[in-house]
Amino acid sequence: MPQPVSDRIMTMRLPLSKDNFATIVSVYAPTMTNPDENKEAFYNRLASVFSGIPRTDKLLQIGDFNARIGGDNDKWLLVMGKHGIGKCNSNGELPLALCTEFELIVTSTMFKQKDERKTTLMHPRSRHWHMTVFIITRCRDKMDIHSTRAMRGANCWTDHQMLRSKVAFRSFEQGMDSALAQWEEKENSTLDEECAALQQVVYNIAKSYLGKPDRKHQ
């Protein structure tokens, strides 16, 4: 069941399989016009929530951060992909700093797609579209996210566009068990040959989960 943390934060822990869980954190961050102390209190509370989530849990943080994080991948290399949009404002630095602290990544910046599939809110005066709603996950689990995109045709009774992710949670331990089950010792093989074969199994399964950082999500 969902657990309220505050009027801006809610969590839910879901069982995926035996001993495997996913924690979903839903947020609504203070807007630009809120006092700085309110913003600081919100992000301190959110950091406390993250600290209490088991490291083994898959994590999805979903919500409206009322922030523009821009597209400076060089500055925020570990927490942002190469496909951000616009410029970062003062509110945008707050979630990015939090992502850095807890090794999280903004998934909508990982995929090359049209701007209309990234942006979620149109500014009422400038009429420019901005990315303010984020789906965030652990950096180590980013390969679980197959896509994140705004759904322009969805009627959500709000001025925001719905953001949707396709997710396939994978367990590294389950992958190792499956790979090792298919590996069999060969007759008359030497110890060095068996060690090399086992090393290749571990390498292949690690590559399938972690990917190649210089090739994925270009």
N, C-alpha and C. Protein backbone atom coordinates (compact mmCIF):
# COMPACT_ATOMS: atom_id res chain seq x y z
N MET A 1 0.84 -1.19 0.00
CA MET A 1 0.00 0.00 0.00
C MET A 1 0.88 1.25 0.00
N PRO A 2 0.42 2.31 -0.66
CA PRO A 2 1.17 3.57 -0.64
C PRO A 2 1.32 4.10 0.78
N GLN A 3 2.48 4.67 1.08
CA GLN A 3 2.76 5.22 2.40
C GLN A 3 3.06 6.71 2.28
N PRO A 4 2.21 7.57 2.85
CA PRO A 4 2.49 9.01 2.79
C PRO A 4 3.66 9.36 3.70
N VAL A 5 4.57 10.15 3.18
CA VAL A 5 5.70 10.66 3.95
C VAL A 5 5.42 12.09 4.37
N SER A 6 4.87 12.86 3.45
CA SER A 6 4.48 14.24 3.69
C SER A 6 3.42 14.60 2.66
N ASP A 7 3.00 15.87 2.65
CA ASP A 7 2.02 16.26 1.65
C ASP A 7 2.62 16.35 0.25
N ARG A 8 3.94 16.14 0.14
CA ARG A 8 4.61 16.21 -1.16
C ARG A 8 5.31 14.90 -1.56
N ILE A 9 5.38 13.94 -0.67
CA ILE A 9 6.14 12.71 -0.93
C ILE A 9 5.32 11.49 -0.50
N MET A 10 5.31 10.47 -1.36
CA MET A 10 4.63 9.22 -1.06
C MET A 10 5.47 8.07 -1.59
N THR A 11 5.49 6.95 -0.89
CA THR A 11 6.28 5.80 -1.32
C THR A 11 5.42 4.55 -1.38
N MET A 12 5.88 3.59 -2.16
CA MET A 12 5.22 2.29 -2.22
C MET A 12 6.28 1.24 -2.55
N ARG A 13 6.32 0.15 -1.79
CA ARG A 13 7.30 -0.92 -2.01
C ARG A 13 6.57 -2.14 -2.57
N LEU A 14 7.02 -2.60 -3.73
CA LEU A 14 6.35 -3.69 -4.43
C LEU A 14 7.25 -4.92 -4.47
N PRO A 15 6.70 -6.11 -4.18
CA PRO A 15 7.50 -7.33 -4.33
C PRO A 15 7.60 -7.71 -5.80
N LEU A 16 8.81 -8.00 -6.26
CA LEU A 16 9.02 -8.43 -7.64
C LEU A 16 9.15 -9.94 -7.73
N SER A 17 9.87 -10.50 -6.80
CA SER A 17 10.05 -11.95 -6.70
C SER A 17 10.59 -12.21 -5.31
N LYS A 18 10.97 -13.42 -5.04
CA LYS A 18 11.49 -13.74 -3.72
C LYS A 18 12.73 -12.90 -3.43
N ASP A 19 12.67 -12.13 -2.36
CA ASP A 19 13.78 -11.30 -1.90
C ASP A 19 14.13 -10.15 -2.84
N ASN A 20 13.26 -9.86 -3.82
CA ASN A 20 13.50 -8.74 -4.74
C ASN A 20 12.32 -7.77 -4.68
N PHE A 21 12.62 -6.48 -4.49
CA PHE A 21 11.57 -5.47 -4.34
C PHE A 21 11.89 -4.25 -5.20
N ALA A 22 10.83 -3.50 -5.50
CA ALA A 22 10.97 -2.20 -6.15
C ALA A 22 10.28 -1.16 -5.28
N THR A 23 10.94 -0.05 -5.04
CA THR A 23 10.35 1.05 -4.29
C THR A 23 10.05 2.20 -5.25
N ILE A 24 8.82 2.67 -5.23
CA ILE A 24 8.39 3.79 -6.05
C ILE A 24 8.20 5.00 -5.15
N VAL A 25 8.80 6.11 -5.53
CA VAL A 25 8.69 7.35 -4.76
C VAL A 25 8.01 8.39 -5.64
N SER A 26 6.85 8.86 -5.22
CA SER A 26 6.10 9.88 -5.96
C SER A 26 6.27 11.22 -5.25
N VAL A 27 6.58 12.28 -6.04
CA VAL A 27 6.86 13.57 -5.41
C VAL A 27 6.15 14.70 -6.16
N TYR A 28 5.95 15.79 -5.44
CA TYR A 28 5.56 17.07 -6.03
C TYR A 28 6.40 18.13 -5.36
N ALA A 29 7.42 18.61 -6.06
CA ALA A 29 8.40 19.53 -5.47
C ALA A 29 7.86 20.96 -5.41
N PRO A 30 8.40 21.78 -4.51
CA PRO A 30 8.00 23.20 -4.44
C PRO A 30 8.32 23.93 -5.74
N THR A 31 7.49 24.89 -6.08
CA THR A 31 7.70 25.69 -7.29
C THR A 31 8.78 26.74 -7.07
N MET A 32 9.13 27.45 -8.13
CA MET A 32 10.16 28.48 -8.06
C MET A 32 9.81 29.58 -7.07
N THR A 33 8.53 29.87 -6.90
CA THR A 33 8.11 30.98 -6.04
C THR A 33 8.11 30.62 -4.56
N ASN A 34 8.31 29.35 -4.23
CA ASN A 34 8.36 28.95 -2.83
C ASN A 34 9.65 29.46 -2.18
N PRO A 35 9.59 29.77 -0.88
CA PRO A 35 10.81 30.20 -0.17
C PRO A 35 11.88 29.11 -0.21
N ASP A 36 13.13 29.52 -0.18
CA ASP A 36 14.24 28.58 -0.25
C ASP A 36 14.20 27.57 0.90
N GLU A 37 13.73 28.01 2.07
CA GLU A 37 13.69 27.08 3.20
C GLU A 37 12.70 25.95 2.96
N ASN A 38 11.61 26.22 2.22
CA ASN A 38 10.67 25.16 1.87
C ASN A 38 11.30 24.15 0.92
N LYS A 39 12.05 24.65 -0.04
CA LYS A 39 12.73 23.76 -0.99
C LYS A 39 13.77 22.91 -0.27
N GLU A 40 14.53 23.55 0.61
CA GLU A 40 15.55 22.82 1.35
C GLU A 40 14.93 21.73 2.22
N ALA A 41 13.81 22.05 2.86
CA ALA A 41 13.13 21.07 3.71
C ALA A 41 12.63 19.89 2.88
N PHE A 42 12.10 20.19 1.69
CA PHE A 42 11.60 19.12 0.82
C PHE A 42 12.72 18.18 0.40
N TYR A 43 13.83 18.72 -0.07
CA TYR A 43 14.91 17.86 -0.56
C TYR A 43 15.64 17.15 0.58
N ASN A 44 15.68 17.75 1.76
CA ASN A 44 16.23 17.04 2.92
C ASN A 44 15.35 15.86 3.28
N ARG A 45 14.04 16.06 3.22
CA ARG A 45 13.11 14.97 3.53
C ARG A 45 13.22 13.86 2.48
N LEU A 46 13.35 14.26 1.22
CA LEU A 46 13.47 13.27 0.15
C LEU A 46 14.78 12.49 0.28
N ALA A 47 15.85 13.17 0.65
CA ALA A 47 17.13 12.49 0.88
C ALA A 47 17.01 11.49 2.01
N SER A 48 16.26 11.84 3.04
CA SER A 48 16.03 10.92 4.15
C SER A 48 15.27 9.68 3.69
N VAL A 49 14.30 9.88 2.80
CA VAL A 49 13.56 8.75 2.24
C VAL A 49 14.49 7.83 1.48
N PHE A 50 15.33 8.39 0.62
CA PHE A 50 16.27 7.58 -0.16
C PHE A 50 17.23 6.81 0.74
N SER A 51 17.67 7.45 1.81
CA SER A 51 18.60 6.79 2.72
C SER A 51 17.98 5.57 3.37
N GLY A 52 16.65 5.57 3.51
CA GLY A 52 15.96 4.46 4.15
C GLY A 52 15.56 3.34 3.21
N ILE A 53 15.79 3.50 1.92
CA ILE A 53 15.44 2.46 0.95
C ILE A 53 16.60 1.47 0.84
N PRO A 54 16.34 0.18 0.98
CA PRO A 54 17.44 -0.80 0.87
C PRO A 54 18.17 -0.67 -0.46
N ARG A 55 19.49 -0.78 -0.42
CA ARG A 55 20.29 -0.63 -1.64
C ARG A 55 19.96 -1.70 -2.67
N THR A 56 19.44 -2.83 -2.21
CA THR A 56 19.12 -3.91 -3.14
C THR A 56 17.81 -3.67 -3.89
N ASP A 57 17.00 -2.73 -3.43
CA ASP A 57 15.72 -2.45 -4.09
C ASP A 57 15.93 -1.76 -5.43
N LYS A 58 15.12 -2.13 -6.42
CA LYS A 58 14.99 -1.30 -7.60
C LYS A 58 14.29 -0.01 -7.16
N LEU A 59 14.57 1.09 -7.85
CA LEU A 59 14.01 2.37 -7.42
C LEU A 59 13.50 3.15 -8.62
N LEU A 60 12.27 3.64 -8.50
CA LEU A 60 11.70 4.56 -9.48
C LEU A 60 11.19 5.78 -8.72
N GLN A 61 11.70 6.94 -9.08
CA GLN A 61 11.22 8.18 -8.51
C GLN A 61 10.45 8.91 -9.60
N ILE A 62 9.20 9.21 -9.32
CA ILE A 62 8.29 9.76 -10.33
C ILE A 62 7.65 11.02 -9.78
N GLY A 63 7.55 12.06 -10.61
CA GLY A 63 6.81 13.22 -10.15
C GLY A 63 7.18 14.51 -10.83
N ASP A 64 6.48 15.56 -10.42
CA ASP A 64 6.67 16.91 -10.95
C ASP A 64 7.66 17.64 -10.04
N PHE A 65 8.84 17.93 -10.58
CA PHE A 65 9.86 18.61 -9.80
C PHE A 65 9.83 20.12 -9.96
N ASN A 66 8.91 20.62 -10.81
CA ASN A 66 8.83 22.07 -11.03
C ASN A 66 10.22 22.66 -11.25
N ALA A 67 10.99 21.97 -12.09
CA ALA A 67 12.39 22.35 -12.31
C ALA A 67 12.79 22.07 -13.75
N ARG A 68 13.70 22.88 -14.25
CA ARG A 68 14.29 22.64 -15.57
C ARG A 68 15.74 22.23 -15.36
N ILE A 69 16.08 21.04 -15.80
CA ILE A 69 17.43 20.53 -15.56
C ILE A 69 18.36 20.79 -16.74
N GLY A 70 17.82 21.24 -17.88
CA GLY A 70 18.66 21.56 -19.02
C GLY A 70 19.27 20.33 -19.68
N GLY A 71 20.38 20.54 -20.36
CA GLY A 71 21.02 19.45 -21.10
C GLY A 71 22.52 19.44 -20.99
N ASP A 72 23.07 19.95 -19.87
CA ASP A 72 24.52 20.01 -19.70
C ASP A 72 25.05 18.66 -19.24
N ASN A 73 25.20 17.75 -20.19
CA ASN A 73 25.67 16.41 -19.87
C ASN A 73 27.11 16.41 -19.37
N ASP A 74 27.92 17.37 -19.79
CA ASP A 74 29.31 17.43 -19.34
C ASP A 74 29.40 17.72 -17.84
N LYS A 75 28.53 18.60 -17.36
CA LYS A 75 28.55 18.97 -15.94
C LYS A 75 27.91 17.89 -15.09
N TRP A 76 26.85 17.27 -15.60
CA TRP A 76 26.10 16.27 -14.83
C TRP A 76 26.21 14.91 -15.52
N LEU A 77 27.41 14.49 -15.81
CA LEU A 77 27.67 13.33 -16.65
C LEU A 77 27.03 12.05 -16.13
N LEU A 78 27.11 11.81 -14.83
CA LEU A 78 26.65 10.54 -14.28
C LEU A 78 25.15 10.47 -14.07
N VAL A 79 24.48 11.62 -13.99
CA VAL A 79 23.06 11.61 -13.63
C VAL A 79 22.16 12.07 -14.77
N MET A 80 22.76 12.43 -15.89
CA MET A 80 21.99 12.91 -17.03
C MET A 80 22.54 12.31 -18.32
N GLY A 81 21.64 11.87 -19.20
CA GLY A 81 22.07 11.39 -20.50
C GLY A 81 22.42 12.54 -21.43
N LYS A 82 22.64 12.21 -22.69
CA LYS A 82 23.08 13.21 -23.66
C LYS A 82 21.91 13.95 -24.33
N HIS A 83 20.68 13.66 -23.88
CA HIS A 83 19.53 14.17 -24.62
C HIS A 83 18.60 15.00 -23.75
N GLY A 84 19.18 15.84 -22.87
CA GLY A 84 18.39 16.81 -22.14
C GLY A 84 17.95 17.93 -23.08
N ILE A 85 17.26 18.91 -22.53
CA ILE A 85 16.73 19.98 -23.39
C ILE A 85 16.69 21.29 -22.60
N GLY A 86 16.97 22.40 -23.28
CA GLY A 86 16.87 23.71 -22.66
C GLY A 86 18.01 24.02 -21.70
N LYS A 87 17.76 24.97 -20.80
CA LYS A 87 18.75 25.41 -19.83
C LYS A 87 18.29 25.06 -18.41
N CYS A 88 19.26 24.85 -17.56
CA CYS A 88 18.98 24.52 -16.16
C CYS A 88 18.69 25.81 -15.38
N ASN A 89 17.65 25.78 -14.53
CA ASN A 89 17.39 26.91 -13.64
C ASN A 89 17.78 26.54 -12.21
N SER A 90 17.60 27.47 -11.29
CA SER A 90 18.03 27.23 -9.90
C SER A 90 17.30 26.04 -9.28
N ASN A 91 16.03 25.86 -9.63
CA ASN A 91 15.30 24.70 -9.13
C ASN A 91 15.86 23.41 -9.71
N GLY A 92 16.37 23.47 -10.93
CA GLY A 92 16.87 22.27 -11.59
C GLY A 92 18.13 21.70 -10.96
N GLU A 93 18.93 22.56 -10.34
CA GLU A 93 20.15 22.08 -9.71
C GLU A 93 19.87 21.23 -8.48
N LEU A 94 18.71 21.43 -7.87
CA LEU A 94 18.38 20.69 -6.64
C LEU A 94 18.17 19.20 -6.90
N PRO A 95 17.31 18.79 -7.85
CA PRO A 95 17.18 17.35 -8.10
C PRO A 95 18.45 16.74 -8.68
N LEU A 96 19.21 17.50 -9.47
CA LEU A 96 20.45 16.97 -10.04
C LEU A 96 21.48 16.71 -8.94
N ALA A 97 21.55 17.60 -7.96
CA ALA A 97 22.46 17.38 -6.83
C ALA A 97 22.04 16.16 -6.03
N LEU A 98 20.74 15.98 -5.86
CA LEU A 98 20.24 14.81 -5.14
C LEU A 98 20.56 13.53 -5.91
N CYS A 99 20.38 13.57 -7.23
CA CYS A 99 20.71 12.41 -8.06
C CYS A 99 22.19 12.06 -7.94
N THR A 100 23.04 13.08 -7.89
CA THR A 100 24.48 12.84 -7.75
C THR A 100 24.79 12.16 -6.43
N GLU A 101 24.14 12.61 -5.37
CA GLU A 101 24.40 12.05 -4.04
C GLU A 101 24.00 10.59 -3.96
N PHE A 102 22.88 10.22 -4.61
CA PHE A 102 22.36 8.86 -4.48
C PHE A 102 22.54 8.03 -5.75
N GLU A 103 23.35 8.50 -6.67
CA GLU A 103 23.69 7.75 -7.89
C GLU A 103 22.43 7.38 -8.68
N LEU A 104 21.67 8.42 -9.04
CA LEU A 104 20.43 8.26 -9.80
C LEU A 104 20.58 8.94 -11.15
N ILE A 105 19.71 8.59 -12.10
CA ILE A 105 19.77 9.19 -13.43
C ILE A 105 18.37 9.54 -13.90
N VAL A 106 18.24 10.68 -14.58
CA VAL A 106 16.97 11.13 -15.15
C VAL A 106 16.76 10.39 -16.47
N THR A 107 15.79 9.49 -16.51
CA THR A 107 15.69 8.56 -17.64
C THR A 107 15.27 9.22 -18.95
N SER A 108 14.51 10.30 -18.89
CA SER A 108 14.06 10.93 -20.13
C SER A 108 15.20 11.59 -20.89
N THR A 109 16.36 11.76 -20.26
CA THR A 109 17.53 12.33 -20.95
C THR A 109 18.39 11.25 -21.59
N MET A 110 18.00 9.99 -21.44
CA MET A 110 18.82 8.90 -21.95
C MET A 110 18.52 8.56 -23.40
N PHE A 111 17.38 9.02 -23.93
CA PHE A 111 16.92 8.55 -25.22
C PHE A 111 16.86 9.68 -26.24
N LYS A 112 17.37 9.41 -27.43
CA LYS A 112 17.30 10.36 -28.53
C LYS A 112 15.91 10.30 -29.15
N GLN A 113 15.15 11.38 -29.04
CA GLN A 113 13.80 11.44 -29.57
C GLN A 113 13.40 12.91 -29.77
N LYS A 114 12.28 13.12 -30.41
CA LYS A 114 11.82 14.48 -30.66
C LYS A 114 11.58 15.22 -29.35
N ASP A 115 11.78 16.54 -29.37
CA ASP A 115 11.58 17.34 -28.16
C ASP A 115 10.18 17.18 -27.60
N GLU A 116 9.19 17.02 -28.47
CA GLU A 116 7.81 16.91 -28.01
C GLU A 116 7.59 15.64 -27.20
N ARG A 117 8.50 14.69 -27.30
CA ARG A 117 8.39 13.47 -26.51
C ARG A 117 9.17 13.56 -25.20
N LYS A 118 9.86 14.66 -24.99
CA LYS A 118 10.60 14.87 -23.75
C LYS A 118 9.91 15.88 -22.84
N THR A 119 9.33 16.93 -23.44
CA THR A 119 8.78 18.03 -22.66
C THR A 119 7.40 17.70 -22.12
N THR A 120 7.07 18.27 -20.96
CA THR A 120 5.83 17.91 -20.26
C THR A 120 4.96 19.11 -19.89
N LEU A 121 5.47 20.33 -20.04
CA LEU A 121 4.69 21.50 -19.62
C LEU A 121 4.99 22.69 -20.53
N MET A 122 3.93 23.39 -20.95
CA MET A 122 4.11 24.60 -21.75
C MET A 122 4.00 25.82 -20.85
N HIS A 123 5.02 26.69 -20.90
CA HIS A 123 5.01 27.91 -20.10
C HIS A 123 3.85 28.79 -20.55
N PRO A 124 3.02 29.28 -19.62
CA PRO A 124 1.82 30.02 -20.01
C PRO A 124 2.09 31.34 -20.74
N ARG A 125 3.25 31.96 -20.49
CA ARG A 125 3.55 33.24 -21.13
C ARG A 125 4.39 33.08 -22.40
N SER A 126 5.51 32.36 -22.28
CA SER A 126 6.40 32.22 -23.44
C SER A 126 5.88 31.20 -24.45
N ARG A 127 5.00 30.30 -24.00
CA ARG A 127 4.47 29.23 -24.84
C ARG A 127 5.55 28.23 -25.23
N HIS A 128 6.66 28.25 -24.52
CA HIS A 128 7.72 27.28 -24.77
C HIS A 128 7.48 26.03 -23.92
N TRP A 129 7.84 24.89 -24.48
CA TRP A 129 7.66 23.63 -23.76
C TRP A 129 8.93 23.31 -22.96
N HIS A 130 8.72 22.75 -21.75
CA HIS A 130 9.84 22.44 -20.87
C HIS A 130 9.68 21.03 -20.28
N MET A 131 10.81 20.46 -19.88
CA MET A 131 10.83 19.17 -19.20
C MET A 131 10.85 19.42 -17.70
N THR A 132 9.73 19.16 -17.03
CA THR A 132 9.65 19.41 -15.58
C THR A 132 9.24 18.18 -14.79
N VAL A 133 8.66 17.20 -15.46
CA VAL A 133 8.26 15.94 -14.82
C VAL A 133 9.31 14.89 -15.17
N PHE A 134 9.80 14.18 -14.15
CA PHE A 134 10.89 13.24 -14.37
C PHE A 134 10.55 11.85 -13.85
N ILE A 135 11.12 10.85 -14.51
CA ILE A 135 11.16 9.49 -13.99
C ILE A 135 12.64 9.16 -13.80
N ILE A 136 13.00 8.85 -12.58
CA ILE A 136 14.40 8.70 -12.19
C ILE A 136 14.62 7.29 -11.64
N THR A 137 15.77 6.72 -11.93
CA THR A 137 16.10 5.40 -11.40
C THR A 137 17.57 5.36 -11.00
N ARG A 138 17.99 4.26 -10.42
CA ARG A 138 19.40 4.12 -10.05
C ARG A 138 20.25 4.01 -11.32
N CYS A 139 21.43 4.61 -11.28
CA CYS A 139 22.33 4.52 -12.44
C CYS A 139 22.63 3.07 -12.79
N ARG A 140 22.78 2.24 -11.79
CA ARG A 140 23.14 0.84 -12.05
C ARG A 140 22.02 0.08 -12.74
N ASP A 141 20.78 0.60 -12.63
CA ASP A 141 19.62 -0.09 -13.20
C ASP A 141 19.09 0.59 -14.45
N LYS A 142 19.86 1.50 -15.03
CA LYS A 142 19.33 2.26 -16.17
C LYS A 142 19.01 1.38 -17.37
N MET A 143 19.65 0.21 -17.48
CA MET A 143 19.36 -0.67 -18.60
C MET A 143 17.99 -1.33 -18.46
N ASP A 144 17.37 -1.22 -17.27
CA ASP A 144 16.01 -1.73 -17.09
C ASP A 144 14.98 -0.83 -17.77
N ILE A 145 15.35 0.41 -18.05
CA ILE A 145 14.43 1.38 -18.66
C ILE A 145 14.56 1.30 -20.17
N HIS A 146 13.50 0.87 -20.83
CA HIS A 146 13.52 0.72 -22.29
C HIS A 146 13.13 2.00 -23.01
N SER A 147 12.32 2.83 -22.38
CA SER A 147 11.97 4.12 -22.97
C SER A 147 11.30 4.99 -21.91
N THR A 148 11.40 6.29 -22.09
CA THR A 148 10.65 7.27 -21.30
C THR A 148 10.23 8.38 -22.24
N ARG A 149 8.93 8.64 -22.34
CA ARG A 149 8.46 9.65 -23.29
C ARG A 149 7.15 10.27 -22.82
N ALA A 150 6.94 11.51 -23.24
CA ALA A 150 5.69 12.21 -22.93
C ALA A 150 4.60 11.72 -23.87
N MET A 151 3.38 11.60 -23.34
CA MET A 151 2.23 11.13 -24.11
C MET A 151 1.34 12.33 -24.42
N ARG A 152 1.55 12.96 -25.56
CA ARG A 152 0.84 14.19 -25.89
C ARG A 152 -0.66 13.98 -26.08
N GLY A 153 -1.08 12.80 -26.47
CA GLY A 153 -2.50 12.59 -26.74
C GLY A 153 -3.32 12.20 -25.52
N ALA A 154 -2.66 11.95 -24.40
CA ALA A 154 -3.37 11.48 -23.21
C ALA A 154 -4.11 12.62 -22.53
N ASN A 155 -5.38 12.39 -22.18
CA ASN A 155 -6.18 13.39 -21.48
C ASN A 155 -6.08 13.12 -19.98
N CYS A 156 -5.28 13.93 -19.29
CA CYS A 156 -5.02 13.71 -17.86
C CYS A 156 -5.69 14.75 -16.98
N TRP A 157 -6.52 15.63 -17.57
CA TRP A 157 -7.20 16.67 -16.83
C TRP A 157 -6.19 17.55 -16.07
N THR A 158 -5.10 17.89 -16.74
CA THR A 158 -4.06 18.72 -16.15
C THR A 158 -3.32 19.44 -17.27
N ASP A 159 -2.59 20.50 -16.93
CA ASP A 159 -1.82 21.21 -17.94
C ASP A 159 -0.49 20.52 -18.23
N HIS A 160 -0.20 19.43 -17.53
CA HIS A 160 1.01 18.66 -17.77
C HIS A 160 0.72 17.49 -18.72
N GLN A 161 1.75 17.08 -19.44
CA GLN A 161 1.65 15.89 -20.27
C GLN A 161 2.05 14.67 -19.45
N MET A 162 1.35 13.56 -19.69
CA MET A 162 1.68 12.33 -19.00
C MET A 162 3.05 11.83 -19.48
N LEU A 163 3.85 11.35 -18.53
CA LEU A 163 5.15 10.78 -18.85
C LEU A 163 5.10 9.28 -18.59
N ARG A 164 5.54 8.50 -19.58
CA ARG A 164 5.44 7.05 -19.48
C ARG A 164 6.81 6.41 -19.70
N SER A 165 7.10 5.42 -18.87
CA SER A 165 8.32 4.62 -19.06
C SER A 165 7.95 3.16 -19.28
N LYS A 166 8.70 2.52 -20.15
CA LYS A 166 8.62 1.07 -20.30
C LYS A 166 9.79 0.48 -19.52
N VAL A 167 9.45 -0.34 -18.53
CA VAL A 167 10.45 -0.85 -17.59
C VAL A 167 10.39 -2.37 -17.55
N ALA A 168 11.55 -2.99 -17.55
CA ALA A 168 11.65 -4.44 -17.37
C ALA A 168 12.70 -4.68 -16.29
N PHE A 169 12.26 -4.79 -15.05
CA PHE A 169 13.20 -4.99 -13.95
C PHE A 169 13.90 -6.33 -14.11
N ARG A 170 15.21 -6.30 -13.98
CA ARG A 170 16.00 -7.51 -14.11
C ARG A 170 16.83 -7.72 -12.86
N SER A 171 16.94 -8.96 -12.45
CA SER A 171 17.75 -9.30 -11.29
C SER A 171 19.08 -9.85 -11.76
N PHE A 172 20.17 -9.25 -11.31
CA PHE A 172 21.50 -9.73 -11.69
C PHE A 172 21.70 -11.16 -11.21
N GLU A 173 21.21 -11.46 -10.01
CA GLU A 173 21.39 -12.80 -9.47
C GLU A 173 20.65 -13.83 -10.32
N GLN A 174 19.43 -13.49 -10.75
CA GLN A 174 18.67 -14.40 -11.59
C GLN A 174 19.38 -14.63 -12.92
N GLY A 175 19.95 -13.57 -13.47
CA GLY A 175 20.67 -13.71 -14.72
C GLY A 175 21.90 -14.59 -14.58
N MET A 176 22.61 -14.44 -13.46
CA MET A 176 23.77 -15.28 -13.21
C MET A 176 23.37 -16.74 -13.07
N ASP A 177 22.29 -17.01 -12.33
CA ASP A 177 21.83 -18.39 -12.16
C ASP A 177 21.50 -19.02 -13.50
N SER A 178 20.81 -18.26 -14.36
CA SER A 178 20.43 -18.78 -15.67
C SER A 178 21.66 -19.06 -16.53
N ALA A 179 22.61 -18.13 -16.51
CA ALA A 179 23.81 -18.30 -17.33
C ALA A 179 24.66 -19.47 -16.84
N LEU A 180 24.80 -19.58 -15.53
CA LEU A 180 25.60 -20.67 -14.98
C LEU A 180 24.95 -22.02 -15.21
N ALA A 181 23.60 -22.04 -15.24
CA ALA A 181 22.90 -23.30 -15.49
C ALA A 181 23.18 -23.82 -16.90
N GLN A 182 23.45 -22.91 -17.83
CA GLN A 182 23.72 -23.31 -19.21
C GLN A 182 25.20 -23.64 -19.44
N TRP A 183 26.03 -23.31 -18.46
CA TRP A 183 27.46 -23.57 -18.60
C TRP A 183 27.79 -24.93 -18.04
N GLU A 184 28.45 -25.74 -18.79
CA GLU A 184 28.83 -27.07 -18.36
C GLU A 184 30.32 -27.27 -18.59
N GLU A 185 30.92 -27.99 -17.68
CA GLU A 185 32.33 -28.31 -17.85
C GLU A 185 32.51 -29.26 -19.03
N LYS A 186 33.55 -29.04 -19.80
CA LYS A 186 33.85 -29.90 -20.94
C LYS A 186 34.81 -31.00 -20.52
N GLU A 187 34.62 -32.16 -21.11
CA GLU A 187 35.51 -33.26 -20.80
C GLU A 187 36.94 -32.95 -21.27
N ASN A 188 37.89 -33.39 -20.47
CA ASN A 188 39.32 -33.25 -20.79
C ASN A 188 39.78 -31.79 -20.87
N SER A 189 39.00 -30.86 -20.34
CA SER A 189 39.42 -29.46 -20.33
C SER A 189 40.35 -29.22 -19.15
N THR A 190 41.26 -28.29 -19.33
CA THR A 190 42.19 -27.96 -18.26
C THR A 190 41.55 -26.97 -17.30
N LEU A 191 42.19 -26.79 -16.15
CA LEU A 191 41.67 -25.84 -15.16
C LEU A 191 41.68 -24.43 -15.73
N ASP A 192 42.74 -24.09 -16.46
CA ASP A 192 42.81 -22.75 -17.06
C ASP A 192 41.68 -22.53 -18.06
N GLU A 193 41.35 -23.56 -18.84
CA GLU A 193 40.27 -23.45 -19.83
C GLU A 193 38.93 -23.27 -19.15
N GLU A 194 38.71 -24.00 -18.05
CA GLU A 194 37.45 -23.87 -17.32
C GLU A 194 37.34 -22.49 -16.66
N CYS A 195 38.44 -21.99 -16.13
CA CYS A 195 38.42 -20.65 -15.53
C CYS A 195 38.13 -19.59 -16.58
N ALA A 196 38.73 -19.76 -17.76
CA ALA A 196 38.49 -18.80 -18.84
C ALA A 196 37.03 -18.84 -19.29
N ALA A 197 36.46 -20.05 -19.36
CA ALA A 197 35.06 -20.19 -19.77
C ALA A 197 34.12 -19.55 -18.74
N LEU A 198 34.40 -19.78 -17.46
CA LEU A 198 33.58 -19.18 -16.40
C LEU A 198 33.72 -17.67 -16.41
N GLN A 199 34.93 -17.18 -16.63
CA GLN A 199 35.15 -15.74 -16.71
C GLN A 199 34.33 -15.13 -17.84
N GLN A 200 34.23 -15.83 -18.97
CA GLN A 200 33.45 -15.33 -20.10
C GLN A 200 31.97 -15.28 -19.77
N VAL A 201 31.47 -16.28 -19.04
CA VAL A 201 30.07 -16.29 -18.63
C VAL A 201 29.77 -15.07 -17.76
N VAL A 202 30.62 -14.81 -16.78
CA VAL A 202 30.41 -13.67 -15.88
C VAL A 202 30.49 -12.36 -16.67
N TYR A 203 31.44 -12.27 -17.59
CA TYR A 203 31.58 -11.06 -18.41
C TYR A 203 30.34 -10.82 -19.26
N ASN A 204 29.84 -11.88 -19.90
CA ASN A 204 28.67 -11.73 -20.79
C ASN A 204 27.44 -11.28 -20.03
N ILE A 205 27.20 -11.86 -18.86
CA ILE A 205 25.99 -11.49 -18.11
C ILE A 205 26.14 -10.08 -17.55
N ALA A 206 27.36 -9.69 -17.13
CA ALA A 206 27.57 -8.33 -16.65
C ALA A 206 27.35 -7.33 -17.77
N LYS A 207 27.84 -7.64 -18.97
CA LYS A 207 27.67 -6.74 -20.11
C LYS A 207 26.20 -6.60 -20.48
N SER A 208 25.44 -7.69 -20.35
CA SER A 208 24.02 -7.62 -20.72
C SER A 208 23.23 -6.75 -19.76
N TYR A 209 23.68 -6.67 -18.49
CA TYR A 209 22.97 -5.84 -17.51
C TYR A 209 23.51 -4.42 -17.45
N LEU A 210 24.81 -4.25 -17.57
CA LEU A 210 25.41 -2.93 -17.42
C LEU A 210 25.58 -2.22 -18.74
N GLY A 211 25.71 -2.97 -19.82
CA GLY A 211 25.86 -2.38 -21.14
C GLY A 211 27.22 -1.72 -21.32
N LYS A 212 27.38 -1.07 -22.47
CA LYS A 212 28.59 -0.32 -22.78
C LYS A 212 28.25 1.16 -22.72
N PRO A 213 28.78 1.91 -21.75
CA PRO A 213 28.36 3.30 -21.55
C PRO A 213 28.60 4.21 -22.74
N ASP A 214 29.56 3.87 -23.61
CA ASP A 214 29.82 4.75 -24.74
C ASP A 214 28.97 4.41 -25.96
N ARG A 215 28.10 3.41 -25.83
CA ARG A 215 27.28 3.02 -26.96
C ARG A 215 25.79 3.11 -26.68
N LYS A 216 25.39 2.93 -25.44
CA LYS A 216 23.97 2.88 -25.12
C LYS A 216 23.35 4.26 -25.12
N HIS A 217 22.10 4.33 -25.61
CA HIS A 217 21.28 5.54 -25.57
C HIS A 217 21.93 6.71 -26.30
N GLN A 218 22.53 6.45 -27.43
CA GLN A 218 23.10 7.52 -28.24
C GLN A 218 21.99 8.26 -28.96
